Amino acid sequence: MALTGTHLVRVLRSALQSAKHFWPKVGGRMEVRRNALKLRHWGSRDGQGVMDVTYESIKAMSGSGVFELKIDDEIDGHRNIRVIFFDPPEAWKPHRPYPKPVLWILEALPKKRQNWTVNDVDRFWTKRAIVKERFYDAETTRGVR
């Protein structure tokens, strides 16, 4: 099967585990996954949209490469769903080569308030650091936050 799109989309295990809390049924998680996989076309985005979904940078993490994908559908009773993802800097070199650039899903959750809390932002920074530590060479990521 051929790879489609401009990017690969990978998910942190912790994101899969936390999604079970909000969507205990597999069908709900697969619906969120289907929307998140639209990020495969990240390289062909226009303005603030990718295919039929919109995204924006998390303001408290400006310049970090962490974004929130907005899903407008109601999935298993949850609305205002966000998929938090990370687009690593090009200077970071992965441990192993990938056929395309990688976008990392850090978390998927329904957003309950207008702004992210301090704890939310700290959690996103930590998950970004986990991606950096586990999947990218340390010497190429020095000095790049």
N, C-alpha and C. Protein backbone atom coordinates (compact mmCIF):
# COMPACT_ATOMS: atom_id res chain seq x y z
N MET A 1 0.85 -1.17 0.00
CA MET A 1 0.00 0.00 0.00
C MET A 1 0.90 1.24 0.00
N ALA A 2 0.62 2.17 -0.86
CA ALA A 2 1.43 3.37 -0.98
C ALA A 2 1.09 4.38 0.11
N LEU A 3 2.10 5.14 0.52
CA LEU A 3 1.89 6.21 1.49
C LEU A 3 1.29 7.41 0.76
N THR A 4 0.25 7.98 1.33
CA THR A 4 -0.35 9.15 0.71
C THR A 4 -0.08 10.37 1.57
N GLY A 5 -0.18 11.54 0.96
CA GLY A 5 0.02 12.78 1.69
C GLY A 5 1.47 13.21 1.70
N THR A 6 1.73 14.26 2.45
CA THR A 6 3.06 14.84 2.50
C THR A 6 3.81 14.49 3.77
N HIS A 7 3.12 13.96 4.78
CA HIS A 7 3.72 13.66 6.08
C HIS A 7 3.24 12.31 6.60
N LEU A 8 4.02 11.73 7.51
CA LEU A 8 3.58 10.58 8.30
C LEU A 8 2.97 11.13 9.58
N VAL A 9 1.99 10.43 10.11
CA VAL A 9 1.38 10.81 11.38
C VAL A 9 1.61 9.67 12.36
N ARG A 10 2.34 9.97 13.44
CA ARG A 10 2.62 8.97 14.48
C ARG A 10 1.99 9.44 15.78
N VAL A 11 1.65 8.50 16.62
CA VAL A 11 0.96 8.79 17.88
C VAL A 11 1.79 8.30 19.05
N LEU A 12 1.92 9.15 20.07
CA LEU A 12 2.55 8.70 21.31
C LEU A 12 1.63 7.70 22.01
N ARG A 13 2.22 6.71 22.64
CA ARG A 13 1.43 5.71 23.36
C ARG A 13 0.57 6.35 24.44
N SER A 14 1.09 7.37 25.11
CA SER A 14 0.31 8.03 26.15
C SER A 14 -0.94 8.69 25.58
N ALA A 15 -0.88 9.13 24.33
CA ALA A 15 -2.05 9.72 23.68
C ALA A 15 -3.12 8.66 23.44
N LEU A 16 -2.68 7.47 23.06
CA LEU A 16 -3.64 6.38 22.86
C LEU A 16 -4.31 5.99 24.17
N GLN A 17 -3.52 5.94 25.24
CA GLN A 17 -4.06 5.57 26.54
C GLN A 17 -5.05 6.61 27.06
N SER A 18 -4.71 7.90 26.92
CA SER A 18 -5.61 8.94 27.45
C SER A 18 -6.89 9.04 26.61
N ALA A 19 -6.82 8.69 25.32
CA ALA A 19 -8.02 8.73 24.48
C ALA A 19 -9.06 7.72 24.96
N LYS A 20 -8.61 6.62 25.56
CA LYS A 20 -9.55 5.62 26.08
C LYS A 20 -10.43 6.19 27.19
N HIS A 21 -9.93 7.20 27.89
CA HIS A 21 -10.72 7.82 28.95
C HIS A 21 -11.94 8.55 28.37
N PHE A 22 -11.74 9.26 27.27
CA PHE A 22 -12.82 10.04 26.68
C PHE A 22 -13.69 9.22 25.73
N TRP A 23 -13.08 8.26 25.02
CA TRP A 23 -13.79 7.43 24.06
C TRP A 23 -13.54 5.97 24.39
N PRO A 24 -14.29 5.41 25.36
CA PRO A 24 -14.06 4.03 25.76
C PRO A 24 -14.37 3.02 24.65
N LYS A 25 -15.27 3.38 23.73
CA LYS A 25 -15.59 2.49 22.63
C LYS A 25 -14.61 2.71 21.48
N VAL A 26 -14.24 1.64 20.84
CA VAL A 26 -13.27 1.70 19.75
C VAL A 26 -13.77 2.61 18.62
N GLY A 27 -15.07 2.59 18.35
CA GLY A 27 -15.63 3.40 17.26
C GLY A 27 -15.36 4.88 17.44
N GLY A 28 -15.47 5.38 18.66
CA GLY A 28 -15.19 6.79 18.92
C GLY A 28 -13.73 7.13 18.70
N ARG A 29 -12.85 6.26 19.18
CA ARG A 29 -11.41 6.49 18.98
C ARG A 29 -11.04 6.43 17.50
N MET A 30 -11.68 5.56 16.75
CA MET A 30 -11.39 5.45 15.32
C MET A 30 -11.89 6.70 14.57
N GLU A 31 -12.97 7.29 15.03
CA GLU A 31 -13.46 8.53 14.41
C GLU A 31 -12.47 9.68 14.66
N VAL A 32 -11.94 9.77 15.87
CA VAL A 32 -10.91 10.78 16.17
C VAL A 32 -9.67 10.49 15.33
N ARG A 33 -9.28 9.24 15.22
CA ARG A 33 -8.12 8.85 14.42
C ARG A 33 -8.31 9.25 12.96
N ARG A 34 -9.50 9.00 12.43
CA ARG A 34 -9.78 9.35 11.03
C ARG A 34 -9.57 10.84 10.79
N ASN A 35 -10.02 11.66 11.73
CA ASN A 35 -9.83 13.11 11.60
C ASN A 35 -8.36 13.49 11.76
N ALA A 36 -7.66 12.86 12.70
CA ALA A 36 -6.25 13.17 12.93
C ALA A 36 -5.39 12.79 11.72
N LEU A 37 -5.77 11.73 11.01
CA LEU A 37 -4.99 11.31 9.86
C LEU A 37 -5.09 12.28 8.69
N LYS A 38 -5.96 13.25 8.77
CA LYS A 38 -6.01 14.30 7.75
C LYS A 38 -4.74 15.14 7.79
N LEU A 39 -4.00 15.04 8.89
CA LEU A 39 -2.72 15.74 9.01
C LEU A 39 -1.68 15.20 8.03
N ARG A 40 -1.94 14.05 7.42
CA ARG A 40 -1.03 13.53 6.39
C ARG A 40 -0.83 14.55 5.28
N HIS A 41 -1.79 15.43 5.11
CA HIS A 41 -1.75 16.44 4.05
C HIS A 41 -1.28 17.79 4.57
N TRP A 42 -0.54 17.79 5.67
CA TRP A 42 -0.04 19.01 6.33
C TRP A 42 0.74 19.89 5.35
N GLY A 43 1.52 19.31 4.49
CA GLY A 43 2.35 20.06 3.55
C GLY A 43 1.55 20.79 2.49
N SER A 44 0.30 20.42 2.29
CA SER A 44 -0.53 21.07 1.27
C SER A 44 -1.62 21.93 1.91
N ARG A 45 -1.40 22.36 3.15
CA ARG A 45 -2.40 23.16 3.86
C ARG A 45 -2.48 24.56 3.23
N ASP A 46 -3.63 25.18 3.44
CA ASP A 46 -3.83 26.55 2.96
C ASP A 46 -4.40 27.38 4.09
N GLY A 47 -3.73 28.45 4.45
CA GLY A 47 -4.21 29.29 5.53
C GLY A 47 -4.20 28.56 6.86
N GLN A 48 -5.35 28.40 7.47
CA GLN A 48 -5.47 27.74 8.76
C GLN A 48 -6.22 26.42 8.67
N GLY A 49 -6.19 25.78 7.50
CA GLY A 49 -6.92 24.53 7.36
C GLY A 49 -6.13 23.44 6.68
N VAL A 50 -6.49 22.21 7.01
CA VAL A 50 -5.96 21.02 6.36
C VAL A 50 -7.18 20.21 5.98
N MET A 51 -7.40 20.04 4.70
CA MET A 51 -8.60 19.38 4.19
C MET A 51 -9.82 20.12 4.75
N ASP A 52 -10.65 19.45 5.56
CA ASP A 52 -11.86 20.11 6.05
C ASP A 52 -11.80 20.43 7.55
N VAL A 53 -10.61 20.42 8.14
CA VAL A 53 -10.46 20.76 9.55
C VAL A 53 -9.52 21.96 9.69
N THR A 54 -9.64 22.66 10.80
CA THR A 54 -8.79 23.83 11.03
C THR A 54 -7.84 23.56 12.19
N TYR A 55 -6.80 24.38 12.28
CA TYR A 55 -5.81 24.22 13.31
C TYR A 55 -5.31 25.60 13.71
N GLU A 56 -4.65 25.66 14.85
CA GLU A 56 -3.95 26.88 15.25
C GLU A 56 -2.85 26.52 16.23
N SER A 57 -1.86 27.38 16.30
CA SER A 57 -0.77 27.20 17.24
C SER A 57 -1.29 27.46 18.65
N ILE A 58 -0.76 26.75 19.61
CA ILE A 58 -1.13 27.01 21.00
C ILE A 58 -0.38 28.26 21.43
N LYS A 59 -1.13 29.30 21.75
CA LYS A 59 -0.54 30.62 22.01
C LYS A 59 0.48 30.61 23.15
N ALA A 60 0.24 29.83 24.18
CA ALA A 60 1.16 29.77 25.31
C ALA A 60 2.45 29.03 24.96
N MET A 61 2.50 28.41 23.78
CA MET A 61 3.68 27.65 23.35
C MET A 61 4.18 28.18 22.01
N SER A 62 4.09 29.45 21.82
CA SER A 62 4.45 30.08 20.56
C SER A 62 5.85 29.68 20.11
N GLY A 63 5.97 29.29 18.85
CA GLY A 63 7.26 28.91 18.28
C GLY A 63 7.72 27.51 18.63
N SER A 64 6.92 26.74 19.33
CA SER A 64 7.32 25.40 19.77
C SER A 64 7.02 24.32 18.73
N GLY A 65 6.17 24.64 17.77
CA GLY A 65 5.76 23.64 16.79
C GLY A 65 4.59 22.79 17.26
N VAL A 66 3.97 23.17 18.39
CA VAL A 66 2.82 22.43 18.92
C VAL A 66 1.55 23.17 18.50
N PHE A 67 0.61 22.40 17.93
CA PHE A 67 -0.63 22.95 17.39
C PHE A 67 -1.82 22.18 17.93
N GLU A 68 -3.00 22.77 17.77
CA GLU A 68 -4.24 22.06 18.09
C GLU A 68 -5.09 21.97 16.84
N LEU A 69 -5.47 20.76 16.48
CA LEU A 69 -6.36 20.49 15.36
C LEU A 69 -7.77 20.51 15.93
N LYS A 70 -8.67 21.28 15.30
CA LYS A 70 -10.03 21.42 15.81
C LYS A 70 -10.97 20.49 15.03
N ILE A 71 -11.67 19.64 15.77
CA ILE A 71 -12.65 18.75 15.16
C ILE A 71 -14.03 19.24 15.55
N ASP A 72 -14.83 19.59 14.56
CA ASP A 72 -16.15 20.17 14.82
C ASP A 72 -17.23 19.14 15.08
N ASP A 73 -17.00 17.90 14.71
CA ASP A 73 -18.02 16.85 14.88
C ASP A 73 -18.21 16.51 16.35
N GLU A 74 -19.39 15.99 16.66
CA GLU A 74 -19.62 15.42 17.99
C GLU A 74 -19.27 13.94 17.89
N ILE A 75 -18.40 13.48 18.79
CA ILE A 75 -17.98 12.09 18.78
C ILE A 75 -18.25 11.49 20.15
N ASP A 76 -19.16 10.52 20.19
CA ASP A 76 -19.56 9.85 21.44
C ASP A 76 -19.93 10.85 22.54
N GLY A 77 -20.67 11.88 22.19
CA GLY A 77 -21.15 12.84 23.17
C GLY A 77 -20.18 13.96 23.50
N HIS A 78 -19.01 13.95 22.91
CA HIS A 78 -18.02 15.01 23.16
C HIS A 78 -17.98 15.98 21.99
N ARG A 79 -17.96 17.27 22.31
CA ARG A 79 -17.84 18.33 21.31
C ARG A 79 -16.54 19.10 21.57
N ASN A 80 -16.21 19.99 20.65
CA ASN A 80 -15.04 20.86 20.82
C ASN A 80 -13.77 20.02 21.03
N ILE A 81 -13.60 19.04 20.19
CA ILE A 81 -12.49 18.10 20.32
C ILE A 81 -11.22 18.70 19.71
N ARG A 82 -10.11 18.50 20.41
CA ARG A 82 -8.81 18.98 19.95
C ARG A 82 -7.83 17.82 19.88
N VAL A 83 -7.06 17.80 18.80
CA VAL A 83 -5.95 16.87 18.67
C VAL A 83 -4.70 17.72 18.76
N ILE A 84 -3.92 17.50 19.80
CA ILE A 84 -2.68 18.26 20.01
C ILE A 84 -1.57 17.52 19.25
N PHE A 85 -0.90 18.24 18.35
CA PHE A 85 0.15 17.60 17.56
C PHE A 85 1.38 18.50 17.49
N PHE A 86 2.49 17.86 17.13
CA PHE A 86 3.79 18.51 17.13
C PHE A 86 4.47 18.32 15.78
N ASP A 87 4.91 19.43 15.21
CA ASP A 87 5.68 19.43 13.97
C ASP A 87 7.12 19.76 14.35
N PRO A 88 8.01 18.75 14.43
CA PRO A 88 9.38 19.00 14.89
C PRO A 88 10.16 19.89 13.92
N PRO A 89 11.12 20.65 14.45
CA PRO A 89 11.96 21.48 13.58
C PRO A 89 12.75 20.61 12.59
N GLU A 90 13.04 21.16 11.43
CA GLU A 90 13.79 20.42 10.42
C GLU A 90 15.21 20.11 10.87
N ALA A 91 15.73 20.91 11.81
CA ALA A 91 17.10 20.69 12.32
C ALA A 91 17.20 19.38 13.12
N TRP A 92 16.10 18.89 13.65
CA TRP A 92 16.12 17.65 14.41
C TRP A 92 16.26 16.49 13.43
N LYS A 93 17.18 15.60 13.70
CA LYS A 93 17.38 14.42 12.86
C LYS A 93 16.87 13.19 13.59
N PRO A 94 15.95 12.43 12.97
CA PRO A 94 15.40 11.25 13.63
C PRO A 94 16.44 10.15 13.79
N HIS A 95 16.23 9.30 14.81
CA HIS A 95 17.11 8.15 15.04
C HIS A 95 17.16 7.25 13.81
N ARG A 96 16.02 7.06 13.20
CA ARG A 96 15.97 6.23 12.00
C ARG A 96 15.29 7.04 10.90
N PRO A 97 15.63 6.77 9.65
CA PRO A 97 15.04 7.56 8.56
C PRO A 97 13.57 7.19 8.33
N TYR A 98 12.79 8.19 8.05
CA TYR A 98 11.39 8.00 7.67
C TYR A 98 11.24 8.42 6.22
N PRO A 99 10.30 7.82 5.50
CA PRO A 99 10.14 8.18 4.09
C PRO A 99 9.59 9.59 3.89
N LYS A 100 8.97 10.14 4.91
CA LYS A 100 8.39 11.48 4.85
C LYS A 100 8.57 12.15 6.21
N PRO A 101 8.45 13.48 6.27
CA PRO A 101 8.50 14.15 7.58
C PRO A 101 7.38 13.63 8.49
N VAL A 102 7.63 13.66 9.79
CA VAL A 102 6.68 13.09 10.75
C VAL A 102 5.99 14.20 11.56
N LEU A 103 4.68 14.06 11.74
CA LEU A 103 3.92 14.85 12.70
C LEU A 103 3.56 13.92 13.85
N TRP A 104 3.70 14.39 15.08
CA TRP A 104 3.47 13.56 16.25
C TRP A 104 2.18 13.98 16.95
N ILE A 105 1.27 13.02 17.15
CA ILE A 105 0.06 13.27 17.93
C ILE A 105 0.44 13.14 19.40
N LEU A 106 0.28 14.23 20.14
CA LEU A 106 0.63 14.23 21.56
C LEU A 106 -0.56 13.87 22.43
N GLU A 107 -1.76 14.29 22.01
CA GLU A 107 -2.95 14.05 22.83
C GLU A 107 -4.20 14.38 22.03
N ALA A 108 -5.31 13.73 22.37
CA ALA A 108 -6.63 14.06 21.82
C ALA A 108 -7.59 14.16 22.99
N LEU A 109 -8.35 15.26 23.03
CA LEU A 109 -9.25 15.47 24.16
C LEU A 109 -10.31 16.51 23.81
N PRO A 110 -11.45 16.46 24.52
CA PRO A 110 -12.43 17.54 24.36
C PRO A 110 -11.97 18.74 25.19
N LYS A 111 -11.99 19.92 24.58
CA LYS A 111 -11.55 21.13 25.27
C LYS A 111 -12.74 21.70 26.02
N LYS A 112 -12.58 21.90 27.33
CA LYS A 112 -13.70 22.30 28.17
C LYS A 112 -13.77 23.80 28.42
N ARG A 113 -12.68 24.53 28.22
CA ARG A 113 -12.68 25.97 28.47
C ARG A 113 -11.99 26.68 27.33
N GLN A 114 -12.10 27.99 27.31
CA GLN A 114 -11.56 28.78 26.21
C GLN A 114 -10.05 28.64 26.08
N ASN A 115 -9.33 28.80 27.18
CA ASN A 115 -7.86 28.75 27.16
C ASN A 115 -7.36 27.46 27.78
N TRP A 116 -6.12 27.11 27.46
CA TRP A 116 -5.49 25.96 28.08
C TRP A 116 -5.00 26.35 29.46
N THR A 117 -5.08 25.41 30.41
CA THR A 117 -4.59 25.68 31.76
C THR A 117 -3.07 25.55 31.79
N VAL A 118 -2.46 26.01 32.86
CA VAL A 118 -1.01 25.88 33.03
C VAL A 118 -0.62 24.40 33.04
N ASN A 119 -1.43 23.57 33.67
CA ASN A 119 -1.14 22.13 33.70
C ASN A 119 -1.21 21.52 32.30
N ASP A 120 -2.19 21.96 31.50
CA ASP A 120 -2.28 21.46 30.12
C ASP A 120 -1.01 21.81 29.35
N VAL A 121 -0.60 23.07 29.42
CA VAL A 121 0.58 23.53 28.69
C VAL A 121 1.84 22.79 29.16
N ASP A 122 1.97 22.61 30.47
CA ASP A 122 3.11 21.85 31.00
C ASP A 122 3.12 20.41 30.47
N ARG A 123 1.94 19.80 30.39
CA ARG A 123 1.82 18.43 29.88
C ARG A 123 2.23 18.38 28.40
N PHE A 124 1.82 19.38 27.62
CA PHE A 124 2.18 19.41 26.20
C PHE A 124 3.69 19.60 26.02
N TRP A 125 4.31 20.47 26.86
CA TRP A 125 5.76 20.65 26.80
C TRP A 125 6.47 19.33 27.12
N THR A 126 5.96 18.63 28.12
CA THR A 126 6.58 17.36 28.52
C THR A 126 6.47 16.33 27.41
N LYS A 127 5.32 16.24 26.76
CA LYS A 127 5.15 15.27 25.68
C LYS A 127 6.02 15.64 24.48
N ARG A 128 6.19 16.91 24.24
CA ARG A 128 7.10 17.37 23.18
C ARG A 128 8.52 16.93 23.50
N ALA A 129 8.92 17.07 24.77
CA ALA A 129 10.25 16.66 25.21
C ALA A 129 10.43 15.14 25.09
N ILE A 130 9.37 14.39 25.33
CA ILE A 130 9.44 12.93 25.19
C ILE A 130 9.72 12.55 23.74
N VAL A 131 9.04 13.22 22.81
CA VAL A 131 9.28 12.95 21.39
C VAL A 131 10.74 13.24 21.06
N LYS A 132 11.23 14.38 21.54
CA LYS A 132 12.61 14.78 21.27
C LYS A 132 13.59 13.74 21.81
N GLU A 133 13.37 13.30 23.03
CA GLU A 133 14.28 12.37 23.69
C GLU A 133 14.26 10.98 23.06
N ARG A 134 13.07 10.48 22.73
CA ARG A 134 12.94 9.10 22.27
C ARG A 134 13.20 8.90 20.78
N PHE A 135 12.93 9.92 19.98
CA PHE A 135 12.93 9.69 18.54
C PHE A 135 13.93 10.53 17.74
N TYR A 136 14.63 11.46 18.41
CA TYR A 136 15.56 12.33 17.68
C TYR A 136 16.93 12.31 18.33
N ASP A 137 17.96 12.53 17.52
CA ASP A 137 19.34 12.53 18.00
C ASP A 137 19.59 13.72 18.92
N ALA A 138 20.19 13.46 20.06
CA ALA A 138 20.44 14.50 21.06
C ALA A 138 21.38 15.58 20.54
N GLU A 139 22.42 15.18 19.81
CA GLU A 139 23.39 16.19 19.38
C GLU A 139 22.82 17.15 18.33
N THR A 140 21.81 16.72 17.57
CA THR A 140 21.24 17.64 16.58
C THR A 140 20.15 18.51 17.18
N THR A 141 19.70 18.18 18.38
CA THR A 141 18.62 18.96 18.99
C THR A 141 19.12 19.92 20.05
N ARG A 142 20.43 19.92 20.33
CA ARG A 142 20.97 20.84 21.33
C ARG A 142 20.74 22.28 20.92
N GLY A 143 20.30 23.08 21.85
CA GLY A 143 20.08 24.50 21.57
C GLY A 143 18.77 24.79 20.89
N VAL A 144 18.03 23.76 20.48
CA VAL A 144 16.72 23.95 19.85
C VAL A 144 15.67 23.52 20.86
N ARG A 145 14.91 24.45 21.33
CA ARG A 145 13.92 24.10 22.34
C ARG A 145 12.74 23.45 21.73
